[in-house]
């Protein structure tokens, strides 16, 4: 009688051990997936953060450029009709009376 009980208990523990190992494998797989997703989100966050930094720099540069242009307009009564469409264009327009080959110090 005790031998049958011993075998039943052993089979139950073996089944529990197998179930536990399966759960451990599934948990490991899910943790690896979560870790991969976190790394992807971290990359996306860093990319967005870098873009935000560049956008803030662009906004600051535009504001500084506009402040300088407005000051020149007010102090020297300049009629500046057009501003460069892009900060990437670093040439000073010829309508300011400066050679177009000069680079923009702003």
C-alpha atoms as a PDB file:
ATOM      1  CA  UNK A   1       0.000   0.000   0.000  1.00  0.00           C
ATOM      2  CA  UNK A   2       2.750   2.448   0.846  1.00  0.00           C
ATOM      3  CA  UNK A   3       4.630   1.498  -2.306  1.00  0.00           C
ATOM      4  CA  UNK A   4       1.662   2.541  -4.466  1.00  0.00           C
ATOM      5  CA  UNK A   5       1.354   5.792  -2.505  1.00  0.00           C
ATOM      6  CA  UNK A   6       5.081   6.390  -2.913  1.00  0.00           C
ATOM      7  CA  UNK A   7       4.815   5.897  -6.689  1.00  0.00           C
ATOM      8  CA  UNK A   8       1.792   8.198  -6.908  1.00  0.00           C
ATOM      9  CA  UNK A   9       3.599  10.876  -4.901  1.00  0.00           C
ATOM     10  CA  UNK A  10       6.715  10.486  -7.059  1.00  0.00           C
ATOM     11  CA  UNK A  11       4.643  10.759 -10.259  1.00  0.00           C
ATOM     12  CA  UNK A  12       2.854  13.833  -8.894  1.00  0.00           C
ATOM     13  CA  UNK A  13       6.159  15.486  -7.969  1.00  0.00           C
ATOM     14  CA  UNK A  14       7.637  14.618 -11.375  1.00  0.00           C
ATOM     15  CA  UNK A  15       4.580  16.141 -13.069  1.00  0.00           C
ATOM     16  CA  UNK A  16       4.859  19.229 -10.876  1.00  0.00           C
ATOM     17  CA  UNK A  17       8.572  19.462 -11.659  1.00  0.00           C
ATOM     18  CA  UNK A  18       7.854  19.230 -15.411  1.00  0.00           C
ATOM     19  CA  UNK A  19       5.118  21.858 -15.135  1.00  0.00           C
ATOM     20  CA  UNK A  20       7.478  24.090 -13.167  1.00  0.00           C
ATOM     21  CA  UNK A  21      10.222  23.684 -15.805  1.00  0.00           C
ATOM     22  CA  UNK A  22       7.734  24.525 -18.583  1.00  0.00           C
ATOM     23  CA  UNK A  23       6.608  27.602 -16.670  1.00  0.00           C
ATOM     24  CA  UNK A  24      10.241  28.599 -16.118  1.00  0.00           C
ATOM     25  CA  UNK A  25      10.890  28.284 -19.879  1.00  0.00           C
ATOM     26  CA  UNK A  26       7.815  30.355 -20.739  1.00  0.00           C
ATOM     27  CA  UNK A  27       8.771  32.965 -18.167  1.00  0.00           C
ATOM     28  CA  UNK A  28      12.297  33.150 -19.591  1.00  0.00           C
ATOM     29  CA  UNK A  29      10.908  33.623 -23.099  1.00  0.00           C
ATOM     30  CA  UNK A  30       8.523  36.339 -21.962  1.00  0.00           C
ATOM     31  CA  UNK A  31      11.258  38.128 -20.004  1.00  0.00           C
ATOM     32  CA  UNK A  32      13.512  38.047 -23.077  1.00  0.00           C
ATOM     33  CA  UNK A  33      10.665  39.524 -25.128  1.00  0.00           C
ATOM     34  CA  UNK A  34      10.062  42.258 -22.555  1.00  0.00           C
ATOM     35  CA  UNK A  35      13.794  43.018 -22.449  1.00  0.00           C
ATOM     36  CA  UNK A  36      13.869  43.300 -26.258  1.00  0.00           C
ATOM     37  CA  UNK A  37      10.857  45.634 -26.216  1.00  0.00           C
ATOM     38  CA  UNK A  38      12.484  47.797 -23.538  1.00  0.00           C
ATOM     39  CA  UNK A  39      15.666  48.063 -25.616  1.00  0.00           C
ATOM     40  CA  UNK A  40      13.609  49.041 -28.681  1.00  0.00           C
ATOM     41  CA  UNK A  41      11.712  51.653 -26.671  1.00  0.00           C
ATOM     42  CA  UNK A  42      14.994  52.957 -25.276  1.00  0.00           C
ATOM     43  CA  UNK A  43      16.357  53.371 -28.814  1.00  0.00           C
ATOM     44  CA  UNK A  44      13.174  55.140 -29.924  1.00  0.00           C
ATOM     45  CA  UNK A  45      13.259  57.398 -26.860  1.00  0.00           C
ATOM     46  CA  UNK A  46      16.902  58.322 -27.454  1.00  0.00           C
ATOM     47  CA  UNK A  47      16.157  59.077 -31.112  1.00  0.00           C
ATOM     48  CA  UNK A  48      13.160  61.256 -30.198  1.00  0.00           C
ATOM     49  CA  UNK A  49      15.159  62.973 -27.448  1.00  0.00           C
ATOM     50  CA  UNK A  50      17.969  63.771 -29.902  1.00  0.00           C
ATOM     51  CA  UNK A  51      15.431  65.125 -32.389  1.00  0.00           C
ATOM     52  CA  UNK A  52      13.894  67.254 -29.645  1.00  0.00           C
ATOM     53  CA  UNK A  53      17.318  68.637 -28.801  1.00  0.00           C
ATOM     54  CA  UNK A  54      17.872  69.577 -32.452  1.00  0.00           C
ATOM     55  CA  UNK A  55      14.409  71.133 -32.672  1.00  0.00           C
ATOM     56  CA  UNK A  56      15.071  73.228 -29.563  1.00  0.00           C
ATOM     57  CA  UNK A  57      18.390  74.364 -31.058  1.00  0.00           C
ATOM     58  CA  UNK A  58      16.643  75.285 -34.323  1.00  0.00           C
ATOM     59  CA  UNK A  59      13.949  77.240 -32.485  1.00  0.00           C
ATOM     60  CA  UNK A  60      16.590  79.086 -30.459  1.00  0.00           C
ATOM     61  CA  UNK A  61      18.594  79.891 -33.606  1.00  0.00           C
ATOM     62  CA  UNK A  62      15.484  81.126 -35.446  1.00  0.00           C
ATOM     63  CA  UNK A  63      14.486  83.298 -32.505  1.00  0.00           C
ATOM     64  CA  UNK A  64      18.002  84.720 -32.270  1.00  0.00           C
ATOM     65  CA  UNK A  65      18.099  85.375 -36.022  1.00  0.00           C
ATOM     66  CA  UNK A  66      14.724  87.102 -35.947  1.00  0.00           C
ATOM     67  CA  UNK A  67      15.779  89.195 -32.955  1.00  0.00           C
ATOM     68  CA  UNK A  68      18.918  90.320 -34.799  1.00  0.00           C
ATOM     69  CA  UNK A  69      16.974  91.073 -38.001  1.00  0.00           C
ATOM     70  CA  UNK A  70      14.345  93.029 -36.065  1.00  0.00           C
ATOM     71  CA  UNK A  71      17.060  94.959 -34.242  1.00  0.00           C
ATOM     72  CA  UNK A  72      18.756  95.787 -37.558  1.00  0.00           C
ATOM     73  CA  UNK A  73      15.419  96.902 -38.982  1.00  0.00           C
ATOM     74  CA  UNK A  74      14.749  99.146 -35.995  1.00  0.00           C
ATOM     75  CA  UNK A  75      18.254 100.572 -35.554  1.00  0.00           C
ATOM     76  CA  UNK A  76      19.215 101.050 -39.186  1.00  0.00           C
ATOM     77  CA  UNK A  77      15.810 101.298 -40.839  1.00  0.00           C
ATOM     78  CA  UNK A  78      16.609  98.376 -43.108  1.00  0.00           C
ATOM     79  CA  UNK A  79      13.931  96.961 -45.332  1.00  0.00           C
ATOM     80  CA  UNK A  80      14.505  93.219 -45.137  1.00  0.00           C
ATOM     81  CA  UNK A  81      11.671  91.583 -47.008  1.00  0.00           C
ATOM     82  CA  UNK A  82      12.775  87.978 -47.126  1.00  0.00           C
ATOM     83  CA  UNK A  83      14.503  85.741 -44.640  1.00  0.00           C
ATOM     84  CA  UNK A  84      16.332  82.562 -45.607  1.00  0.00           C
ATOM     85  CA  UNK A  85      13.838  79.713 -45.673  1.00  0.00           C
ATOM     86  CA  UNK A  86      16.214  77.328 -43.970  1.00  0.00           C
ATOM     87  CA  UNK A  87      18.867  77.649 -41.333  1.00  0.00           C
ATOM     88  CA  UNK A  88      20.844  75.156 -43.388  1.00  0.00           C
ATOM     89  CA  UNK A  89      21.274  77.932 -45.979  1.00  0.00           C
ATOM     90  CA  UNK A  90      24.150  79.802 -44.361  1.00  0.00           C
ATOM     91  CA  UNK A  91      24.643  82.387 -47.099  1.00  0.00           C
ATOM     92  CA  UNK A  92      23.742  86.012 -46.483  1.00  0.00           C
ATOM     93  CA  UNK A  93      21.252  87.269 -49.055  1.00  0.00           C
ATOM     94  CA  UNK A  94      22.560  89.894 -51.486  1.00  0.00           C
ATOM     95  CA  UNK A  95      19.753  92.287 -50.557  1.00  0.00           C
ATOM     96  CA  UNK A  96      21.668  93.006 -47.331  1.00  0.00           C
ATOM     97  CA  UNK A  97      24.399  94.485 -49.489  1.00  0.00           C
ATOM     98  CA  UNK A  98      26.937  91.785 -48.682  1.00  0.00           C
ATOM     99  CA  UNK A  99      28.570  89.451 -51.163  1.00  0.00           C
ATOM    100  CA  UNK A 100      26.675  86.189 -51.670  1.00  0.00           C
ATOM    101  CA  UNK A 101      29.899  84.230 -51.178  1.00  0.00           C
ATOM    102  CA  UNK A 102      30.156  85.317 -47.558  1.00  0.00           C
ATOM    103  CA  UNK A 103      29.093  82.838 -44.936  1.00  0.00           C
ATOM    104  CA  UNK A 104      26.432  83.745 -42.440  1.00  0.00           C
ATOM    105  CA  UNK A 105      27.991  84.337 -38.999  1.00  0.00           C
ATOM    106  CA  UNK A 106      24.613  83.807 -37.331  1.00  0.00           C
END
